[in-house]
Amino acid sequence: MKTLTLRTTIAPDGTIDLRIPSDLPPGDAEVVVVVQPLANARSSPPFLSDEGVWAGKVPDIDIEADLKEMNQLWEKSMELPE
């Protein structure tokens, strides 16, 4: 087994074209590909945004409003009766 780490650029259509040097003998081989965006590469990402992936599949929530409501309910439950 041989592990290679290569850098490439993902094309606008999302494809990856790799030419990988190998000193392995001709014949069948298993190839495992792990794609990891570079941390400093912040130009247009080749991956769909979370909004694009989840659009229409999860409820639209306002987490800040929900947290505020939960805190108000908690504070109200902690009030002492007069």
PDB file of N, CA and C in Angstrom:
ATOM      1  N   MET A   1       0.858  -1.179   0.000  1.00  0.00           N
ATOM      2  CA  MET A   1       0.000   0.000   0.000  1.00  0.00           C
ATOM      3  C   MET A   1       0.893   1.226   0.000  1.00  0.00           C
ATOM      4  N   LYS A   2       0.440   2.248  -0.694  1.00  0.00           N
ATOM      5  CA  LYS A   2       1.198   3.493  -0.783  1.00  0.00           C
ATOM      6  C   LYS A   2       0.229   4.643  -0.556  1.00  0.00           C
ATOM      7  N   THR A   3       0.594   5.583   0.307  1.00  0.00           N
ATOM      8  CA  THR A   3      -0.241   6.737   0.585  1.00  0.00           C
ATOM      9  C   THR A   3       0.395   7.961  -0.061  1.00  0.00           C
ATOM     10  N   LEU A   4      -0.401   8.704  -0.823  1.00  0.00           N
ATOM     11  CA  LEU A   4       0.068   9.924  -1.469  1.00  0.00           C
ATOM     12  C   LEU A   4      -0.772  11.096  -1.003  1.00  0.00           C
ATOM     13  N   THR A   5      -0.146  12.233  -0.797  1.00  0.00           N
ATOM     14  CA  THR A   5      -0.869  13.462  -0.507  1.00  0.00           C
ATOM     15  C   THR A   5      -0.591  14.422  -1.653  1.00  0.00           C
ATOM     16  N   LEU A   6      -1.654  14.819  -2.335  1.00  0.00           N
ATOM     17  CA  LEU A   6      -1.530  15.697  -3.497  1.00  0.00           C
ATOM     18  C   LEU A   6      -2.391  16.929  -3.306  1.00  0.00           C
ATOM     19  N   ARG A   7      -2.046  17.993  -3.982  1.00  0.00           N
ATOM     20  CA  ARG A   7      -2.896  19.186  -4.023  1.00  0.00           C
ATOM     21  C   ARG A   7      -3.379  19.367  -5.440  1.00  0.00           C
ATOM     22  N   THR A   8      -4.624  19.775  -5.552  1.00  0.00           N
ATOM     23  CA  THR A   8      -5.210  19.985  -6.868  1.00  0.00           C
ATOM     24  C   THR A   8      -6.213  21.108  -6.783  1.00  0.00           C
ATOM     25  N   THR A   9      -6.761  21.491  -7.891  1.00  0.00           N
ATOM     26  CA  THR A   9      -7.807  22.502  -7.946  1.00  0.00           C
ATOM     27  C   THR A   9      -9.065  21.848  -8.474  1.00  0.00           C
ATOM     28  N   ILE A  10     -10.160  22.067  -7.778  1.00  0.00           N
ATOM     29  CA  ILE A  10     -11.438  21.516  -8.215  1.00  0.00           C
ATOM     30  C   ILE A  10     -12.008  22.452  -9.274  1.00  0.00           C
ATOM     31  N   ALA A  11     -12.402  21.873 -10.389  1.00  0.00           N
ATOM     32  CA  ALA A  11     -12.934  22.645 -11.514  1.00  0.00           C
ATOM     33  C   ALA A  11     -14.288  23.259 -11.151  1.00  0.00           C
ATOM     34  N   PRO A  12     -14.686  24.327 -11.849  1.00  0.00           N
ATOM     35  CA  PRO A  12     -15.981  24.966 -11.570  1.00  0.00           C
ATOM     36  C   PRO A  12     -17.170  23.998 -11.630  1.00  0.00           C
ATOM     37  N   ASP A  13     -17.052  22.944 -12.435  1.00  0.00           N
ATOM     38  CA  ASP A  13     -18.159  21.976 -12.513  1.00  0.00           C
ATOM     39  C   ASP A  13     -18.090  20.926 -11.406  1.00  0.00           C
ATOM     40  N   GLY A  14     -17.110  21.074 -10.472  1.00  0.00           N
ATOM     41  CA  GLY A  14     -17.008  20.184  -9.328  1.00  0.00           C
ATOM     42  C   GLY A  14     -16.177  18.933  -9.559  1.00  0.00           C
ATOM     43  N   THR A  15     -15.585  18.798 -10.745  1.00  0.00           N
ATOM     44  CA  THR A  15     -14.797  17.598 -11.021  1.00  0.00           C
ATOM     45  C   THR A  15     -13.352  17.775 -10.584  1.00  0.00           C
ATOM     46  N   ILE A  16     -12.707  16.647 -10.335  1.00  0.00           N
ATOM     47  CA  ILE A  16     -11.300  16.618  -9.962  1.00  0.00           C
ATOM     48  C   ILE A  16     -10.579  15.750 -10.986  1.00  0.00           C
ATOM     49  N   ASP A  17      -9.532  16.285 -11.557  1.00  0.00           N
ATOM     50  CA  ASP A  17      -8.750  15.544 -12.543  1.00  0.00           C
ATOM     51  C   ASP A  17      -7.361  15.324 -11.958  1.00  0.00           C
ATOM     52  N   LEU A  18      -7.011  14.070 -11.689  1.00  0.00           N
ATOM     53  CA  LEU A  18      -5.727  13.759 -11.069  1.00  0.00           C
ATOM     54  C   LEU A  18      -4.900  12.839 -11.947  1.00  0.00           C
ATOM     55  N   ARG A  19      -3.635  13.143 -12.038  1.00  0.00           N
ATOM     56  CA  ARG A  19      -2.663  12.218 -12.626  1.00  0.00           C
ATOM     57  C   ARG A  19      -1.734  11.855 -11.484  1.00  0.00           C
ATOM     58  N   ILE A  20      -1.757  10.598 -11.112  1.00  0.00           N
ATOM     59  CA  ILE A  20      -1.031  10.163  -9.927  1.00  0.00           C
ATOM     60  C   ILE A  20       0.133   9.273 -10.339  1.00  0.00           C
ATOM     61  N   PRO A  21       1.339   9.700  -9.999  1.00  0.00           N
ATOM     62  CA  PRO A  21       2.487   8.840 -10.308  1.00  0.00           C
ATOM     63  C   PRO A  21       2.461   7.602  -9.417  1.00  0.00           C
ATOM     64  N   SER A  22       2.852   6.497  -9.985  1.00  0.00           N
ATOM     65  CA  SER A  22       2.835   5.260  -9.205  1.00  0.00           C
ATOM     66  C   SER A  22       3.971   4.359  -9.664  1.00  0.00           C
ATOM     67  N   ASP A  23       4.647   3.765  -8.707  1.00  0.00           N
ATOM     68  CA  ASP A  23       5.666   2.783  -9.055  1.00  0.00           C
ATOM     69  C   ASP A  23       5.144   1.370  -8.795  1.00  0.00           C
ATOM     70  N   LEU A  24       3.814   1.261  -8.717  1.00  0.00           N
ATOM     71  CA  LEU A  24       3.187  -0.033  -8.496  1.00  0.00           C
ATOM     72  C   LEU A  24       3.142  -0.815  -9.810  1.00  0.00           C
ATOM     73  N   PRO A  25       3.112  -2.112  -9.734  1.00  0.00           N
ATOM     74  CA  PRO A  25       3.055  -2.921 -10.950  1.00  0.00           C
ATOM     75  C   PRO A  25       1.684  -2.814 -11.610  1.00  0.00           C
ATOM     76  N   PRO A  26       1.607  -3.058 -12.909  1.00  0.00           N
ATOM     77  CA  PRO A  26       0.321  -3.039 -13.600  1.00  0.00           C
ATOM     78  C   PRO A  26      -0.621  -4.072 -12.999  1.00  0.00           C
ATOM     79  N   GLY A  27      -1.909  -3.771 -12.990  1.00  0.00           N
ATOM     80  CA  GLY A  27      -2.908  -4.700 -12.472  1.00  0.00           C
ATOM     81  C   GLY A  27      -3.945  -3.973 -11.654  1.00  0.00           C
ATOM     82  N   ASP A  28      -4.838  -4.728 -11.081  1.00  0.00           N
ATOM     83  CA  ASP A  28      -5.912  -4.153 -10.283  1.00  0.00           C
ATOM     84  C   ASP A  28      -5.371  -3.512  -9.013  1.00  0.00           C
ATOM     85  N   ALA A  29      -6.008  -2.431  -8.609  1.00  0.00           N
ATOM     86  CA  ALA A  29      -5.629  -1.740  -7.370  1.00  0.00           C
ATOM     87  C   ALA A  29      -6.871  -1.070  -6.812  1.00  0.00           C
ATOM     88  N   GLU A  30      -6.881  -0.878  -5.517  1.00  0.00           N
ATOM     89  CA  GLU A  30      -7.965  -0.143  -4.871  1.00  0.00           C
ATOM     90  C   GLU A  30      -7.468   1.257  -4.593  1.00  0.00           C
ATOM     91  N   VAL A  31      -8.267   2.262  -4.932  1.00  0.00           N
ATOM     92  CA  VAL A  31      -7.899   3.658  -4.730  1.00  0.00           C
ATOM     93  C   VAL A  31      -8.913   4.277  -3.780  1.00  0.00           C
ATOM     94  N   VAL A  32      -8.427   4.931  -2.727  1.00  0.00           N
ATOM     95  CA  VAL A  32      -9.280   5.624  -1.768  1.00  0.00           C
ATOM     96  C   VAL A  32      -8.995   7.110  -1.904  1.00  0.00           C
ATOM     97  N   VAL A  33     -10.044   7.913  -2.077  1.00  0.00           N
ATOM     98  CA  VAL A  33      -9.882   9.351  -2.252  1.00  0.00           C
ATOM     99  C   VAL A  33     -10.554  10.070  -1.095  1.00  0.00           C
ATOM    100  N   VAL A  34      -9.825  10.954  -0.433  1.00  0.00           N
ATOM    101  CA  VAL A  34     -10.369  11.805   0.617  1.00  0.00           C
ATOM    102  C   VAL A  34     -10.209  13.235   0.137  1.00  0.00           C
ATOM    103  N   VAL A  35     -11.300  13.973   0.037  1.00  0.00           N
ATOM    104  CA  VAL A  35     -11.253  15.361  -0.406  1.00  0.00           C
ATOM    105  C   VAL A  35     -11.458  16.245   0.808  1.00  0.00           C
ATOM    106  N   GLN A  36     -10.520  17.142   1.040  1.00  0.00           N
ATOM    107  CA  GLN A  36     -10.599  18.048   2.182  1.00  0.00           C
ATOM    108  C   GLN A  36     -10.245  19.451   1.703  1.00  0.00           C
ATOM    109  N   PRO A  37     -11.180  20.402   1.798  1.00  0.00           N
ATOM    110  CA  PRO A  37     -10.871  21.769   1.390  1.00  0.00           C
ATOM    111  C   PRO A  37      -9.738  22.323   2.252  1.00  0.00           C
ATOM    112  N   LEU A  38      -8.893  23.130   1.663  1.00  0.00           N
ATOM    113  CA  LEU A  38      -7.818  23.767   2.411  1.00  0.00           C
ATOM    114  C   LEU A  38      -8.385  24.896   3.251  1.00  0.00           C
ATOM    115  N   ALA A  39      -7.899  25.029   4.470  1.00  0.00           N
ATOM    116  CA  ALA A  39      -8.409  26.030   5.405  1.00  0.00           C
ATOM    117  C   ALA A  39      -8.224  27.444   4.875  1.00  0.00           C
ATOM    118  N   ASN A  40      -7.159  27.706   4.163  1.00  0.00           N
ATOM    119  CA  ASN A  40      -6.887  29.060   3.697  1.00  0.00           C
ATOM    120  C   ASN A  40      -7.473  29.342   2.318  1.00  0.00           C
ATOM    121  N   ALA A  41      -8.121  28.387   1.705  1.00  0.00           N
ATOM    122  CA  ALA A  41      -8.713  28.588   0.383  1.00  0.00           C
ATOM    123  C   ALA A  41     -10.156  29.039   0.549  1.00  0.00           C
ATOM    124  N   ARG A  42     -10.400  30.326   0.615  1.00  0.00           N
ATOM    125  CA  ARG A  42     -11.737  30.850   0.861  1.00  0.00           C
ATOM    126  C   ARG A  42     -12.364  31.459  -0.376  1.00  0.00           C
ATOM    127  N   SER A  43     -11.811  31.213  -1.552  1.00  0.00           N
ATOM    128  CA  SER A  43     -12.503  31.678  -2.742  1.00  0.00           C
ATOM    129  C   SER A  43     -13.748  30.818  -2.896  1.00  0.00           C
ATOM    130  N   SER A  44     -14.448  30.920  -3.964  1.00  0.00           N
ATOM    131  CA  SER A  44     -15.716  30.211  -4.075  1.00  0.00           C
ATOM    132  C   SER A  44     -15.516  28.717  -3.828  1.00  0.00           C
ATOM    133  N   PRO A  45     -16.147  28.201  -2.757  1.00  0.00           N
ATOM    134  CA  PRO A  45     -15.978  26.794  -2.426  1.00  0.00           C
ATOM    135  C   PRO A  45     -16.672  25.902  -3.452  1.00  0.00           C
ATOM    136  N   PRO A  46     -16.120  24.723  -3.699  1.00  0.00           N
ATOM    137  CA  PRO A  46     -16.726  23.823  -4.678  1.00  0.00           C
ATOM    138  C   PRO A  46     -17.910  23.062  -4.114  1.00  0.00           C
ATOM    139  N   PHE A  47     -18.150  23.196  -2.796  1.00  0.00           N
ATOM    140  CA  PHE A  47     -19.219  22.444  -2.162  1.00  0.00           C
ATOM    141  C   PHE A  47     -20.448  23.319  -1.999  1.00  0.00           C
ATOM    142  N   LEU A  48     -21.617  22.684  -2.001  1.00  0.00           N
ATOM    143  CA  LEU A  48     -22.849  23.422  -1.754  1.00  0.00           C
ATOM    144  C   LEU A  48     -22.821  23.990  -0.346  1.00  0.00           C
ATOM    145  N   SER A  49     -23.383  25.151  -0.179  1.00  0.00           N
ATOM    146  CA  SER A  49     -23.477  25.716   1.157  1.00  0.00           C
ATOM    147  C   SER A  49     -24.493  24.910   1.962  1.00  0.00           C
ATOM    148  N   ASP A  50     -24.424  25.044   3.275  1.00  0.00           N
ATOM    149  CA  ASP A  50     -25.386  24.339   4.118  1.00  0.00           C
ATOM    150  C   ASP A  50     -26.806  24.733   3.748  1.00  0.00           C
ATOM    151  N   GLU A  51     -26.992  26.013   3.428  1.00  0.00           N
ATOM    152  CA  GLU A  51     -28.333  26.466   3.078  1.00  0.00           C
ATOM    153  C   GLU A  51     -28.822  25.742   1.823  1.00  0.00           C
ATOM    154  N   GLY A  52     -27.941  25.559   0.853  1.00  0.00           N
ATOM    155  CA  GLY A  52     -28.334  24.886  -0.376  1.00  0.00           C
ATOM    156  C   GLY A  52     -28.655  23.423  -0.166  1.00  0.00           C
ATOM    157  N   VAL A  53     -27.890  22.767   0.674  1.00  0.00           N
ATOM    158  CA  VAL A  53     -28.088  21.349   0.935  1.00  0.00           C
ATOM    159  C   VAL A  53     -29.377  21.108   1.699  1.00  0.00           C
ATOM    160  N   TRP A  54     -29.661  21.944   2.707  1.00  0.00           N
ATOM    161  CA  TRP A  54     -30.785  21.712   3.598  1.00  0.00           C
ATOM    162  C   TRP A  54     -32.031  22.517   3.238  1.00  0.00           C
ATOM    163  N   ALA A  55     -31.972  23.329   2.213  1.00  0.00           N
ATOM    164  CA  ALA A  55     -33.117  24.169   1.864  1.00  0.00           C
ATOM    165  C   ALA A  55     -34.377  23.328   1.669  1.00  0.00           C
ATOM    166  N   GLY A  56     -35.424  23.680   2.390  1.00  0.00           N
ATOM    167  CA  GLY A  56     -36.705  22.994   2.275  1.00  0.00           C
ATOM    168  C   GLY A  56     -36.771  21.665   3.002  1.00  0.00           C
ATOM    169  N   LYS A  57     -35.702  21.261   3.678  1.00  0.00           N
ATOM    170  CA  LYS A  57     -35.687  19.956   4.340  1.00  0.00           C
ATOM    171  C   LYS A  57     -35.751  20.056   5.857  1.00  0.00           C
ATOM    172  N   VAL A  58     -35.460  21.220   6.400  1.00  0.00           N
ATOM    173  CA  VAL A  58     -35.525  21.410   7.849  1.00  0.00           C
ATOM    174  C   VAL A  58     -36.365  22.652   8.119  1.00  0.00           C
ATOM    175  N   PRO A  59     -37.011  22.696   9.280  1.00  0.00           N
ATOM    176  CA  PRO A  59     -37.834  23.873   9.566  1.00  0.00           C
ATOM    177  C   PRO A  59     -36.970  25.122   9.717  1.00  0.00           C
ATOM    178  N   ASP A  60     -37.545  26.244   9.324  1.00  0.00           N
ATOM    179  CA  ASP A  60     -36.863  27.524   9.467  1.00  0.00           C
ATOM    180  C   ASP A  60     -37.057  27.997  10.903  1.00  0.00           C
ATOM    181  N   ILE A  61     -35.988  28.042  11.683  1.00  0.00           N
ATOM    182  CA  ILE A  61     -36.098  28.432  13.087  1.00  0.00           C
ATOM    183  C   ILE A  61     -35.220  29.642  13.362  1.00  0.00           C
ATOM    184  N   ASP A  62     -35.592  30.357  14.390  1.00  0.00           N
ATOM    185  CA  ASP A  62     -34.793  31.486  14.867  1.00  0.00           C
ATOM    186  C   ASP A  62     -34.236  31.074  16.221  1.00  0.00           C
ATOM    187  N   ILE A  63     -33.024  30.581  16.240  1.00  0.00           N
ATOM    188  CA  ILE A  63     -32.447  30.026  17.469  1.00  0.00           C
ATOM    189  C   ILE A  63     -32.359  31.071  18.572  1.00  0.00           C
ATOM    190  N   GLU A  64     -32.051  32.310  18.224  1.00  0.00           N
ATOM    191  CA  GLU A  64     -31.961  33.369  19.235  1.00  0.00           C
ATOM    192  C   GLU A  64     -33.313  33.578  19.918  1.00  0.00           C
ATOM    193  N   ALA A  65     -34.381  33.630  19.128  1.00  0.00           N
ATOM    194  CA  ALA A  65     -35.726  33.813  19.698  1.00  0.00           C
ATOM    195  C   ALA A  65     -36.118  32.612  20.557  1.00  0.00           C
ATOM    196  N   ASP A  66     -35.789  31.415  20.094  1.00  0.00           N
ATOM    197  CA  ASP A  66     -36.109  30.217  20.873  1.00  0.00           C
ATOM    198  C   ASP A  66     -35.356  30.202  22.196  1.00  0.00           C
ATOM    199  N   LEU A  67     -34.088  30.567  22.193  1.00  0.00           N
ATOM    200  CA  LEU A  67     -33.306  30.619  23.430  1.00  0.00           C
ATOM    201  C   LEU A  67     -33.848  31.676  24.391  1.00  0.00           C
ATOM    202  N   LYS A  68     -34.235  32.835  23.835  1.00  0.00           N
ATOM    203  CA  LYS A  68     -34.788  33.896  24.664  1.00  0.00           C
ATOM    204  C   LYS A  68     -36.078  33.419  25.332  1.00  0.00           C
ATOM    205  N   GLU A  69     -36.935  32.754  24.567  1.00  0.00           N
ATOM    206  CA  GLU A  69     -38.188  32.238  25.111  1.00  0.00           C
ATOM    207  C   GLU A  69     -37.922  31.188  26.193  1.00  0.00           C
ATOM    208  N   MET A  70     -36.970  30.306  25.971  1.00  0.00           N
ATOM    209  CA  MET A  70     -36.631  29.294  26.975  1.00  0.00           C
ATOM    210  C   MET A  70     -36.115  29.944  28.254  1.00  0.00           C
ATOM    211  N   ASN A  71     -35.277  30.963  28.124  1.00  0.00           N
ATOM    212  CA  ASN A  71     -34.755  31.663  29.298  1.00  0.00           C
ATOM    213  C   ASN A  71     -35.864  32.361  30.069  1.00  0.00           C
ATOM    214  N   GLN A  72     -36.810  32.977  29.350  1.00  0.00           N
ATOM    215  CA  GLN A  72     -37.923  33.647  30.017  1.00  0.00           C
ATOM    216  C   GLN A  72     -38.777  32.636  30.783  1.00  0.00           C
ATOM    217  N   LEU A  73     -39.029  31.470  30.180  1.00  0.00           N
ATOM    218  CA  LEU A  73     -39.810  30.437  30.867  1.00  0.00           C
ATOM    219  C   LEU A  73     -39.069  29.936  32.097  1.00  0.00           C
ATOM    220  N   TRP A  74     -37.781  29.760  31.983  1.00  0.00           N
ATOM    221  CA  TRP A  74     -36.979  29.305  33.121  1.00  0.00           C
ATOM    222  C   TRP A  74     -36.992  30.336  34.243  1.00  0.00           C
ATOM    223  N   GLU A  75     -36.783  31.616  33.884  1.00  0.00           N
ATOM    224  CA  GLU A  75     -36.794  32.680  34.896  1.00  0.00           C
ATOM    225  C   GLU A  75     -38.161  32.757  35.578  1.00  0.00           C
ATOM    226  N   LYS A  76     -39.233  32.610  34.789  1.00  0.00           N
ATOM    227  CA  LYS A  76     -40.574  32.666  35.360  1.00  0.00           C
ATOM    228  C   LYS A  76     -40.793  31.505  36.330  1.00  0.00           C
ATOM    229  N   SER A  77     -40.276  30.340  35.980  1.00  0.00           N
ATOM    230  CA  SER A  77     -40.442  29.186  36.873  1.00  0.00           C
ATOM    231  C   SER A  77     -39.644  29.332  38.153  1.00  0.00           C
ATOM    232  N   MET A  78     -38.658  30.196  38.164  1.00  0.00           N
ATOM    233  CA  MET A  78     -37.817  30.376  39.352  1.00  0.00           C
ATOM    234  C   MET A  78     -38.338  31.485  40.277  1.00  0.00           C
ATOM    235  N   GLU A  79     -39.364  32.222  39.814  1.00  0.00           N
ATOM    236  CA  GLU A  79     -39.917  33.309  40.627  1.00  0.00           C
ATOM    237  C   GLU A  79     -40.626  32.733  41.845  1.00  0.00           C
ATOM    238  N   LEU A  80     -40.462  33.411  42.959  1.00  0.00           N
ATOM    239  CA  LEU A  80     -41.147  33.003  44.189  1.00  0.00           C
ATOM    240  C   LEU A  80     -42.557  33.589  44.202  1.00  0.00           C
ATOM    241  N   PRO A  81     -43.516  32.829  44.681  1.00  0.00           N
ATOM    242  CA  PRO A  81     -44.882  33.369  44.752  1.00  0.00           C
ATOM    243  C   PRO A  81     -44.936  34.492  45.769  1.00  0.00           C
ATOM    244  N   GLU A  82     -45.774  35.479  45.527  1.00  0.00           N
ATOM    245  CA  GLU A  82     -45.875  36.633  46.433  1.00  0.00           C
ATOM    246  C   GLU A  82     -46.845  36.404  47.544  1.00  0.00           C
TER     247      GLU A  82
END
